[in-house]
N, C-alpha and C. Protein backbone atom coordinates (compact mmCIF):
# COMPACT_ATOMS: atom_id res chain seq x y z
N MET A 1 -74.47 -27.22 -105.55
CA MET A 1 -73.96 -27.92 -104.39
C MET A 1 -75.13 -28.57 -103.64
N ARG A 2 -74.90 -29.76 -103.16
CA ARG A 2 -75.90 -30.48 -102.38
C ARG A 2 -75.28 -30.90 -101.06
N GLU A 3 -76.09 -30.83 -100.01
CA GLU A 3 -75.63 -31.27 -98.70
C GLU A 3 -76.65 -32.23 -98.11
N LEU A 4 -76.15 -33.27 -97.47
CA LEU A 4 -77.04 -34.22 -96.81
C LEU A 4 -76.33 -34.86 -95.63
N ARG A 5 -77.13 -35.44 -94.77
CA ARG A 5 -76.59 -36.12 -93.60
C ARG A 5 -76.69 -37.63 -93.82
N VAL A 6 -75.68 -38.31 -93.34
CA VAL A 6 -75.62 -39.76 -93.45
C VAL A 6 -75.49 -40.29 -92.03
N PRO A 7 -76.19 -41.37 -91.69
CA PRO A 7 -76.03 -41.93 -90.33
C PRO A 7 -74.55 -42.18 -90.01
N GLU A 8 -74.19 -41.83 -88.80
CA GLU A 8 -72.79 -41.92 -88.37
C GLU A 8 -72.17 -43.29 -88.65
N GLU A 9 -72.94 -44.35 -88.41
CA GLU A 9 -72.38 -45.70 -88.59
C GLU A 9 -72.20 -46.07 -90.06
N ARG A 10 -72.70 -45.25 -90.99
CA ARG A 10 -72.54 -45.53 -92.43
C ARG A 10 -71.42 -44.70 -93.08
N ILE A 11 -70.86 -43.75 -92.34
CA ILE A 11 -69.80 -42.89 -92.88
C ILE A 11 -68.58 -43.73 -93.30
N GLY A 12 -68.21 -44.69 -92.49
CA GLY A 12 -67.06 -45.55 -92.82
C GLY A 12 -67.27 -46.30 -94.12
N VAL A 13 -68.50 -46.73 -94.37
CA VAL A 13 -68.82 -47.44 -95.62
C VAL A 13 -68.72 -46.46 -96.79
N LEU A 14 -69.20 -45.24 -96.60
CA LEU A 14 -69.15 -44.22 -97.65
C LEU A 14 -67.70 -43.87 -98.00
N ILE A 15 -66.86 -43.77 -96.99
CA ILE A 15 -65.45 -43.45 -97.25
C ILE A 15 -64.74 -44.66 -97.85
N GLY A 16 -64.97 -45.84 -97.29
CA GLY A 16 -64.34 -47.06 -97.79
C GLY A 16 -62.91 -47.19 -97.28
N GLN A 17 -62.38 -48.37 -97.45
CA GLN A 17 -61.03 -48.65 -96.98
C GLN A 17 -60.03 -47.77 -97.73
N GLY A 18 -59.27 -46.99 -96.97
CA GLY A 18 -58.29 -46.10 -97.57
C GLY A 18 -58.91 -45.01 -98.44
N GLY A 19 -60.20 -44.72 -98.23
CA GLY A 19 -60.88 -43.70 -99.01
C GLY A 19 -61.32 -44.15 -100.39
N GLU A 20 -61.26 -45.48 -100.63
CA GLU A 20 -61.53 -46.02 -101.96
C GLU A 20 -62.94 -45.72 -102.47
N THR A 21 -63.96 -45.91 -101.64
CA THR A 21 -65.34 -45.70 -102.09
C THR A 21 -65.58 -44.23 -102.43
N LYS A 22 -65.14 -43.34 -101.55
CA LYS A 22 -65.29 -41.90 -101.79
C LYS A 22 -64.56 -41.50 -103.08
N ASN A 23 -63.34 -42.00 -103.25
CA ASN A 23 -62.56 -41.68 -104.46
C ASN A 23 -63.26 -42.19 -105.72
N ASP A 24 -63.79 -43.42 -105.66
CA ASP A 24 -64.51 -43.97 -106.82
C ASP A 24 -65.74 -43.13 -107.14
N LEU A 25 -66.47 -42.72 -106.10
CA LEU A 25 -67.66 -41.89 -106.30
C LEU A 25 -67.29 -40.58 -106.99
N GLU A 26 -66.22 -39.95 -106.53
CA GLU A 26 -65.77 -38.70 -107.14
C GLU A 26 -65.37 -38.91 -108.60
N GLU A 27 -64.66 -40.00 -108.85
CA GLU A 27 -64.20 -40.29 -110.21
C GLU A 27 -65.36 -40.59 -111.15
N PHE A 28 -66.30 -41.42 -110.71
CA PHE A 28 -67.41 -41.84 -111.57
C PHE A 28 -68.42 -40.73 -111.83
N THR A 29 -68.52 -39.75 -110.91
CA THR A 29 -69.54 -38.71 -111.05
C THR A 29 -68.96 -37.33 -111.36
N ASP A 30 -67.64 -37.22 -111.41
CA ASP A 30 -67.00 -35.91 -111.62
C ASP A 30 -67.44 -34.88 -110.59
N CYS A 31 -67.65 -35.32 -109.36
CA CYS A 31 -68.04 -34.43 -108.27
C CYS A 31 -66.97 -34.45 -107.18
N GLU A 32 -66.92 -33.36 -106.44
CA GLU A 32 -66.08 -33.33 -105.25
C GLU A 32 -66.97 -33.66 -104.07
N VAL A 33 -66.57 -34.65 -103.28
CA VAL A 33 -67.35 -35.08 -102.13
C VAL A 33 -66.54 -34.77 -100.87
N THR A 34 -67.15 -33.95 -99.98
CA THR A 34 -66.50 -33.57 -98.74
C THR A 34 -67.31 -34.13 -97.59
N ILE A 35 -66.65 -34.83 -96.68
CA ILE A 35 -67.33 -35.44 -95.53
C ILE A 35 -66.79 -34.80 -94.26
N ASN A 36 -67.71 -34.22 -93.48
CA ASN A 36 -67.35 -33.60 -92.21
C ASN A 36 -68.30 -34.16 -91.16
N ASP A 37 -67.79 -34.98 -90.25
CA ASP A 37 -68.61 -35.74 -89.31
C ASP A 37 -69.59 -36.58 -90.12
N ASN A 38 -70.90 -36.37 -89.97
CA ASN A 38 -71.84 -37.14 -90.79
C ASN A 38 -72.55 -36.25 -91.81
N ASN A 39 -71.95 -35.10 -92.10
CA ASN A 39 -72.46 -34.20 -93.14
C ASN A 39 -71.65 -34.42 -94.42
N VAL A 40 -72.37 -34.56 -95.51
CA VAL A 40 -71.71 -34.80 -96.81
C VAL A 40 -72.08 -33.66 -97.75
N ARG A 41 -71.05 -33.07 -98.37
CA ARG A 41 -71.26 -32.00 -99.35
C ARG A 41 -70.80 -32.53 -100.71
N ILE A 42 -71.65 -32.31 -101.72
CA ILE A 42 -71.36 -32.78 -103.08
C ILE A 42 -71.35 -31.56 -104.00
N GLU A 43 -70.26 -31.40 -104.75
CA GLU A 43 -70.16 -30.27 -105.68
C GLU A 43 -69.75 -30.76 -107.05
N GLY A 44 -70.48 -30.30 -108.06
CA GLY A 44 -70.20 -30.67 -109.45
C GLY A 44 -71.30 -30.13 -110.34
N GLU A 45 -71.39 -30.66 -111.55
CA GLU A 45 -72.49 -30.29 -112.45
C GLU A 45 -73.79 -30.84 -111.86
N ALA A 46 -74.91 -30.17 -112.16
CA ALA A 46 -76.20 -30.50 -111.53
C ALA A 46 -76.57 -31.98 -111.65
N LEU A 47 -76.50 -32.55 -112.85
CA LEU A 47 -76.89 -33.94 -113.04
C LEU A 47 -75.93 -34.88 -112.29
N ASP A 48 -74.64 -34.57 -112.35
CA ASP A 48 -73.65 -35.38 -111.63
C ASP A 48 -73.89 -35.32 -110.12
N GLU A 49 -74.23 -34.13 -109.62
CA GLU A 49 -74.53 -33.98 -108.19
C GLU A 49 -75.73 -34.84 -107.80
N MET A 50 -76.76 -34.85 -108.64
CA MET A 50 -77.96 -35.63 -108.35
C MET A 50 -77.63 -37.12 -108.28
N ILE A 51 -76.83 -37.59 -109.22
CA ILE A 51 -76.44 -39.00 -109.23
C ILE A 51 -75.62 -39.33 -107.99
N ALA A 52 -74.63 -38.49 -107.69
CA ALA A 52 -73.78 -38.71 -106.51
C ALA A 52 -74.62 -38.69 -105.24
N GLU A 53 -75.59 -37.77 -105.17
CA GLU A 53 -76.45 -37.69 -104.00
C GLU A 53 -77.24 -38.98 -103.82
N ASN A 54 -77.76 -39.54 -104.90
CA ASN A 54 -78.50 -40.80 -104.81
C ASN A 54 -77.60 -41.94 -104.33
N VAL A 55 -76.36 -41.98 -104.81
CA VAL A 55 -75.42 -43.01 -104.37
C VAL A 55 -75.16 -42.86 -102.88
N VAL A 56 -74.92 -41.62 -102.43
CA VAL A 56 -74.67 -41.37 -101.00
C VAL A 56 -75.90 -41.74 -100.17
N ARG A 57 -77.08 -41.37 -100.64
CA ARG A 57 -78.32 -41.72 -99.92
C ARG A 57 -78.47 -43.24 -99.81
N ALA A 58 -78.21 -43.94 -100.90
CA ALA A 58 -78.34 -45.41 -100.89
C ALA A 58 -77.37 -46.03 -99.89
N ILE A 59 -76.13 -45.57 -99.90
CA ILE A 59 -75.15 -46.09 -98.93
C ILE A 59 -75.61 -45.75 -97.51
N GLY A 60 -76.12 -44.54 -97.33
CA GLY A 60 -76.62 -44.13 -96.02
C GLY A 60 -77.82 -44.94 -95.55
N ARG A 61 -78.56 -45.53 -96.48
CA ARG A 61 -79.73 -46.33 -96.13
C ARG A 61 -79.41 -47.83 -96.14
N GLY A 62 -78.13 -48.17 -96.05
CA GLY A 62 -77.76 -49.56 -95.80
C GLY A 62 -77.25 -50.35 -96.98
N PHE A 63 -77.24 -49.77 -98.19
CA PHE A 63 -76.73 -50.50 -99.35
C PHE A 63 -75.20 -50.54 -99.32
N ASN A 64 -74.64 -51.64 -99.79
CA ASN A 64 -73.19 -51.67 -99.93
C ASN A 64 -72.83 -50.84 -101.17
N PRO A 65 -71.61 -50.33 -101.24
CA PRO A 65 -71.23 -49.46 -102.36
C PRO A 65 -71.43 -50.10 -103.73
N GLU A 66 -71.18 -51.38 -103.85
CA GLU A 66 -71.33 -52.06 -105.14
C GLU A 66 -72.76 -51.91 -105.66
N LYS A 67 -73.73 -52.12 -104.80
CA LYS A 67 -75.14 -51.99 -105.20
C LYS A 67 -75.50 -50.52 -105.41
N ALA A 68 -75.00 -49.64 -104.55
CA ALA A 68 -75.30 -48.21 -104.68
C ALA A 68 -74.73 -47.63 -105.97
N PHE A 69 -73.57 -48.12 -106.40
CA PHE A 69 -72.94 -47.60 -107.62
C PHE A 69 -73.73 -47.95 -108.88
N LYS A 70 -74.69 -48.88 -108.78
CA LYS A 70 -75.56 -49.16 -109.93
C LYS A 70 -76.32 -47.90 -110.34
N LEU A 71 -76.51 -46.99 -109.38
CA LEU A 71 -77.26 -45.75 -109.63
C LEU A 71 -76.55 -44.84 -110.62
N ILE A 72 -75.28 -45.09 -110.86
CA ILE A 72 -74.53 -44.29 -111.84
C ILE A 72 -74.94 -44.69 -113.26
N GLU A 73 -75.38 -45.95 -113.41
CA GLU A 73 -75.80 -46.44 -114.72
C GLU A 73 -77.15 -45.83 -115.09
N GLU A 74 -77.33 -45.59 -116.37
CA GLU A 74 -78.59 -45.02 -116.84
C GLU A 74 -79.73 -46.00 -116.59
N GLY A 75 -80.86 -45.47 -116.15
CA GLY A 75 -82.04 -46.29 -115.95
C GLY A 75 -82.22 -46.80 -114.53
N TYR A 76 -81.21 -46.63 -113.68
CA TYR A 76 -81.32 -47.09 -112.29
C TYR A 76 -81.72 -45.92 -111.40
N GLU A 77 -82.59 -46.21 -110.43
CA GLU A 77 -83.06 -45.19 -109.51
C GLU A 77 -83.02 -45.72 -108.09
N PHE A 78 -83.08 -44.78 -107.15
CA PHE A 78 -83.15 -45.10 -105.73
C PHE A 78 -84.46 -44.55 -105.17
N HIS A 79 -85.21 -45.39 -104.48
CA HIS A 79 -86.44 -44.98 -103.81
C HIS A 79 -86.41 -45.56 -102.41
N GLN A 80 -87.16 -44.92 -101.52
CA GLN A 80 -87.28 -45.49 -100.18
C GLN A 80 -88.68 -45.32 -99.63
N LEU A 81 -89.06 -46.25 -98.80
CA LEU A 81 -90.35 -46.23 -98.10
C LEU A 81 -90.07 -46.00 -96.62
N ASP A 82 -90.88 -45.17 -96.01
CA ASP A 82 -90.75 -44.90 -94.58
C ASP A 82 -91.67 -45.87 -93.83
N ILE A 83 -91.08 -46.73 -93.02
CA ILE A 83 -91.85 -47.71 -92.26
C ILE A 83 -92.77 -47.02 -91.26
N ASN A 84 -92.41 -45.81 -90.81
CA ASN A 84 -93.25 -45.06 -89.87
C ASN A 84 -94.65 -44.82 -90.41
N ARG A 85 -94.80 -44.80 -91.74
CA ARG A 85 -96.13 -44.61 -92.33
C ARG A 85 -97.05 -45.79 -92.04
N PHE A 86 -96.47 -46.92 -91.67
CA PHE A 86 -97.24 -48.15 -91.46
C PHE A 86 -97.27 -48.60 -90.00
N ALA A 87 -96.44 -47.96 -89.17
CA ALA A 87 -96.33 -48.38 -87.77
C ALA A 87 -96.24 -47.15 -86.88
N ASP A 88 -96.89 -47.22 -85.72
CA ASP A 88 -96.85 -46.07 -84.83
C ASP A 88 -96.02 -46.30 -83.57
N THR A 89 -95.60 -47.52 -83.33
CA THR A 89 -94.73 -47.77 -82.18
C THR A 89 -93.43 -48.43 -82.65
N ARG A 90 -92.43 -48.33 -81.81
CA ARG A 90 -91.12 -48.93 -82.12
C ARG A 90 -91.26 -50.45 -82.27
N LYS A 91 -92.05 -51.05 -81.40
CA LYS A 91 -92.26 -52.50 -81.46
C LYS A 91 -92.92 -52.90 -82.78
N SER A 92 -93.88 -52.11 -83.19
CA SER A 92 -94.58 -52.35 -84.46
C SER A 92 -93.63 -52.19 -85.65
N GLN A 93 -92.74 -51.17 -85.59
CA GLN A 93 -91.74 -50.97 -86.65
C GLN A 93 -90.84 -52.20 -86.78
N GLU A 94 -90.37 -52.70 -85.66
CA GLU A 94 -89.48 -53.87 -85.67
C GLU A 94 -90.19 -55.09 -86.25
N ARG A 95 -91.46 -55.27 -85.88
CA ARG A 95 -92.23 -56.40 -86.40
C ARG A 95 -92.38 -56.29 -87.91
N LEU A 96 -92.68 -55.08 -88.40
CA LEU A 96 -92.85 -54.89 -89.84
C LEU A 96 -91.54 -55.07 -90.59
N LYS A 97 -90.44 -54.60 -90.01
CA LYS A 97 -89.13 -54.82 -90.64
C LYS A 97 -88.90 -56.33 -90.80
N GLY A 98 -89.26 -57.08 -89.75
CA GLY A 98 -89.11 -58.53 -89.79
C GLY A 98 -89.96 -59.17 -90.88
N ARG A 99 -91.16 -58.63 -91.10
CA ARG A 99 -92.03 -59.17 -92.17
C ARG A 99 -91.39 -58.96 -93.54
N VAL A 100 -90.81 -57.77 -93.75
CA VAL A 100 -90.19 -57.47 -95.05
C VAL A 100 -88.94 -58.33 -95.26
N ILE A 101 -88.16 -58.49 -94.20
CA ILE A 101 -86.93 -59.29 -94.32
C ILE A 101 -87.27 -60.77 -94.42
N GLY A 102 -88.17 -61.23 -93.56
CA GLY A 102 -88.54 -62.65 -93.55
C GLY A 102 -87.50 -63.49 -92.83
N LYS A 103 -87.85 -64.74 -92.62
CA LYS A 103 -86.97 -65.67 -91.92
C LYS A 103 -85.69 -65.87 -92.74
N ASP A 104 -84.55 -65.62 -92.10
CA ASP A 104 -83.24 -65.73 -92.76
C ASP A 104 -83.14 -64.88 -94.03
N GLY A 105 -83.91 -63.80 -94.09
CA GLY A 105 -83.85 -62.89 -95.24
C GLY A 105 -84.58 -63.39 -96.47
N GLU A 106 -85.36 -64.46 -96.32
CA GLU A 106 -85.99 -65.09 -97.48
C GLU A 106 -87.00 -64.19 -98.19
N ALA A 107 -87.82 -63.43 -97.45
CA ALA A 107 -88.83 -62.58 -98.10
C ALA A 107 -88.15 -61.50 -98.94
N ARG A 108 -87.17 -60.83 -98.34
CA ARG A 108 -86.44 -59.78 -99.07
C ARG A 108 -85.77 -60.36 -100.31
N LYS A 109 -85.10 -61.50 -100.15
CA LYS A 109 -84.41 -62.13 -101.29
C LYS A 109 -85.40 -62.51 -102.40
N HIS A 110 -86.57 -63.01 -102.01
CA HIS A 110 -87.57 -63.41 -103.00
C HIS A 110 -88.07 -62.20 -103.79
N ILE A 111 -88.36 -61.11 -103.09
CA ILE A 111 -88.83 -59.90 -103.77
C ILE A 111 -87.72 -59.37 -104.69
N GLU A 112 -86.49 -59.37 -104.20
CA GLU A 112 -85.37 -58.91 -105.03
C GLU A 112 -85.26 -59.74 -106.31
N LYS A 113 -85.34 -61.06 -106.16
CA LYS A 113 -85.18 -61.96 -107.30
C LYS A 113 -86.33 -61.77 -108.30
N MET A 114 -87.55 -61.67 -107.81
CA MET A 114 -88.72 -61.57 -108.68
C MET A 114 -88.78 -60.22 -109.42
N THR A 115 -88.19 -59.18 -108.82
CA THR A 115 -88.29 -57.84 -109.41
C THR A 115 -86.96 -57.31 -109.94
N GLU A 116 -85.90 -58.09 -109.77
CA GLU A 116 -84.56 -57.67 -110.19
C GLU A 116 -84.20 -56.29 -109.62
N THR A 117 -84.49 -56.13 -108.33
CA THR A 117 -84.11 -54.93 -107.60
C THR A 117 -83.22 -55.33 -106.43
N ASP A 118 -82.54 -54.35 -105.85
CA ASP A 118 -81.82 -54.55 -104.60
C ASP A 118 -82.63 -53.84 -103.53
N ILE A 119 -82.77 -54.50 -102.37
CA ILE A 119 -83.57 -53.95 -101.28
C ILE A 119 -82.73 -53.93 -100.01
N SER A 120 -82.83 -52.82 -99.28
CA SER A 120 -82.16 -52.69 -97.99
C SER A 120 -83.17 -52.25 -96.95
N VAL A 121 -83.27 -53.01 -95.87
CA VAL A 121 -84.12 -52.63 -94.75
C VAL A 121 -83.17 -52.10 -93.69
N TYR A 122 -83.25 -50.79 -93.44
CA TYR A 122 -82.28 -50.14 -92.56
C TYR A 122 -82.98 -49.05 -91.76
N GLY A 123 -82.79 -49.07 -90.46
CA GLY A 123 -83.43 -48.05 -89.62
C GLY A 123 -84.93 -48.11 -89.78
N LYS A 124 -85.51 -46.99 -90.16
CA LYS A 124 -86.98 -46.91 -90.32
C LYS A 124 -87.37 -46.89 -91.79
N THR A 125 -86.48 -47.35 -92.67
CA THR A 125 -86.77 -47.29 -94.10
C THR A 125 -86.52 -48.62 -94.80
N VAL A 126 -87.19 -48.75 -95.94
CA VAL A 126 -86.90 -49.83 -96.89
C VAL A 126 -86.44 -49.12 -98.16
N GLY A 127 -85.21 -49.39 -98.58
CA GLY A 127 -84.65 -48.76 -99.77
C GLY A 127 -84.66 -49.71 -100.95
N PHE A 128 -84.79 -49.13 -102.15
CA PHE A 128 -84.85 -49.91 -103.38
C PHE A 128 -83.89 -49.31 -104.40
N VAL A 129 -83.12 -50.16 -105.08
CA VAL A 129 -82.28 -49.74 -106.20
C VAL A 129 -82.65 -50.64 -107.37
N GLY A 130 -82.97 -50.01 -108.51
CA GLY A 130 -83.32 -50.80 -109.70
C GLY A 130 -83.94 -49.93 -110.76
N HIS A 131 -84.50 -50.57 -111.79
CA HIS A 131 -85.23 -49.85 -112.83
C HIS A 131 -86.58 -49.43 -112.25
N ILE A 132 -87.07 -48.27 -112.64
CA ILE A 132 -88.25 -47.68 -112.01
C ILE A 132 -89.46 -48.63 -112.01
N GLN A 133 -89.75 -49.29 -113.15
CA GLN A 133 -90.94 -50.15 -113.15
C GLN A 133 -90.74 -51.36 -112.23
N ASN A 134 -89.52 -51.82 -112.07
CA ASN A 134 -89.24 -52.93 -111.16
C ASN A 134 -89.39 -52.48 -109.70
N ILE A 135 -88.92 -51.25 -109.43
CA ILE A 135 -89.05 -50.70 -108.07
C ILE A 135 -90.53 -50.56 -107.72
N GLU A 136 -91.34 -50.10 -108.67
CA GLU A 136 -92.77 -49.94 -108.39
C GLU A 136 -93.41 -51.26 -107.99
N ILE A 137 -93.06 -52.33 -108.67
CA ILE A 137 -93.61 -53.65 -108.36
C ILE A 137 -93.10 -54.12 -106.99
N ALA A 138 -91.79 -53.95 -106.75
CA ALA A 138 -91.21 -54.35 -105.46
C ALA A 138 -91.82 -53.55 -104.32
N GLN A 139 -91.99 -52.23 -104.53
CA GLN A 139 -92.58 -51.39 -103.49
C GLN A 139 -94.01 -51.83 -103.17
N GLU A 140 -94.76 -52.16 -104.19
CA GLU A 140 -96.14 -52.58 -103.96
C GLU A 140 -96.17 -53.86 -103.13
N ALA A 141 -95.29 -54.81 -103.43
CA ALA A 141 -95.23 -56.06 -102.66
C ALA A 141 -94.84 -55.77 -101.21
N VAL A 142 -93.87 -54.87 -101.02
CA VAL A 142 -93.45 -54.52 -99.66
C VAL A 142 -94.59 -53.81 -98.92
N LYS A 143 -95.28 -52.90 -99.60
CA LYS A 143 -96.42 -52.21 -98.97
C LYS A 143 -97.49 -53.22 -98.55
N MET A 144 -97.70 -54.24 -99.37
CA MET A 144 -98.67 -55.28 -99.01
C MET A 144 -98.28 -55.93 -97.69
N LEU A 145 -96.98 -56.26 -97.56
CA LEU A 145 -96.49 -56.88 -96.32
C LEU A 145 -96.63 -55.91 -95.15
N LEU A 146 -96.29 -54.64 -95.37
CA LEU A 146 -96.37 -53.64 -94.30
C LEU A 146 -97.82 -53.38 -93.88
N ASN A 147 -98.75 -53.58 -94.80
CA ASN A 147 -100.17 -53.40 -94.49
C ASN A 147 -100.82 -54.66 -93.93
N GLY A 148 -100.04 -55.74 -93.77
CA GLY A 148 -100.56 -56.93 -93.12
C GLY A 148 -100.95 -58.07 -94.03
N SER A 149 -100.78 -57.93 -95.34
CA SER A 149 -101.08 -59.05 -96.25
C SER A 149 -100.13 -60.20 -95.96
N SER A 150 -100.56 -61.40 -96.29
CA SER A 150 -99.70 -62.56 -96.09
C SER A 150 -98.57 -62.54 -97.12
N HIS A 151 -97.50 -63.25 -96.80
CA HIS A 151 -96.40 -63.36 -97.76
C HIS A 151 -96.89 -64.01 -99.05
N ALA A 152 -97.77 -64.99 -98.92
CA ALA A 152 -98.30 -65.68 -100.11
C ALA A 152 -99.03 -64.70 -101.02
N THR A 153 -99.78 -63.78 -100.45
CA THR A 153 -100.51 -62.79 -101.23
C THR A 153 -99.53 -61.87 -101.96
N ALA A 154 -98.50 -61.42 -101.26
CA ALA A 154 -97.49 -60.56 -101.88
C ALA A 154 -96.76 -61.30 -102.99
N TYR A 155 -96.44 -62.57 -102.76
CA TYR A 155 -95.74 -63.36 -103.78
C TYR A 155 -96.64 -63.60 -105.00
N ASP A 156 -97.94 -63.81 -104.77
CA ASP A 156 -98.89 -63.96 -105.88
C ASP A 156 -98.90 -62.70 -106.73
N TYR A 157 -98.90 -61.54 -106.06
CA TYR A 157 -98.85 -60.25 -106.77
C TYR A 157 -97.59 -60.20 -107.64
N LEU A 158 -96.46 -60.62 -107.09
CA LEU A 158 -95.20 -60.61 -107.85
C LEU A 158 -95.29 -61.52 -109.07
N GLU A 159 -95.88 -62.70 -108.88
CA GLU A 159 -96.04 -63.65 -110.00
C GLU A 159 -96.90 -63.04 -111.11
N ARG A 160 -98.02 -62.41 -110.72
CA ARG A 160 -98.93 -61.80 -111.70
C ARG A 160 -98.28 -60.66 -112.47
N ASN A 161 -97.29 -60.01 -111.88
CA ASN A 161 -96.64 -58.86 -112.52
C ASN A 161 -95.27 -59.19 -113.10
N GLN A 162 -94.94 -60.46 -113.14
CA GLN A 162 -93.62 -60.88 -113.64
C GLN A 162 -93.35 -60.40 -115.06
N ASN A 163 -94.38 -60.34 -115.89
CA ASN A 163 -94.20 -59.90 -117.29
C ASN A 163 -93.87 -58.41 -117.40
N LYS A 164 -94.05 -57.62 -116.33
CA LYS A 164 -93.76 -56.20 -116.36
C LYS A 164 -92.33 -55.87 -115.90
N VAL A 165 -91.63 -56.88 -115.37
CA VAL A 165 -90.28 -56.66 -114.85
C VAL A 165 -89.30 -56.49 -116.00
N LYS A 166 -88.58 -55.37 -115.98
CA LYS A 166 -87.58 -55.09 -117.00
C LYS A 166 -86.33 -55.91 -116.71
N LYS A 167 -85.87 -56.62 -117.71
CA LYS A 167 -84.68 -57.46 -117.55
C LYS A 167 -83.43 -56.67 -117.82
């Protein structure tokens, strides 16, 4: 059994309209998912629980269910970076989130396209869904932005590592 907390404003997304998302999660992972306030309990076989937990974590970190459900497929993983590691004030966190997202979401979209990952900037985290080697490249580009590198420098890094991206 696994238990985790999900931000209150993400519980509705986890449940889905008419319970559809929760029901799909239970069906796809053979787990029983119980939601009480913002506490989520997952019960099933160990590997199924781990997969369901990753899906719940991804939804809790801002991913829509469609993107989070990719984690059920073999080879997909969920990772997250804590923006607090790069910023010590709330104002600094907001500025860094803006750097990762970019104007009209362009920076995030560019990193997603170049690395074939899905990225969610939510709260104090940047979440990644994709193949592990693609996530590593995307995370490195995001870390560059969080550490103050220019967008051009991060994009150059992505270009240089394009041959390592798993299709």
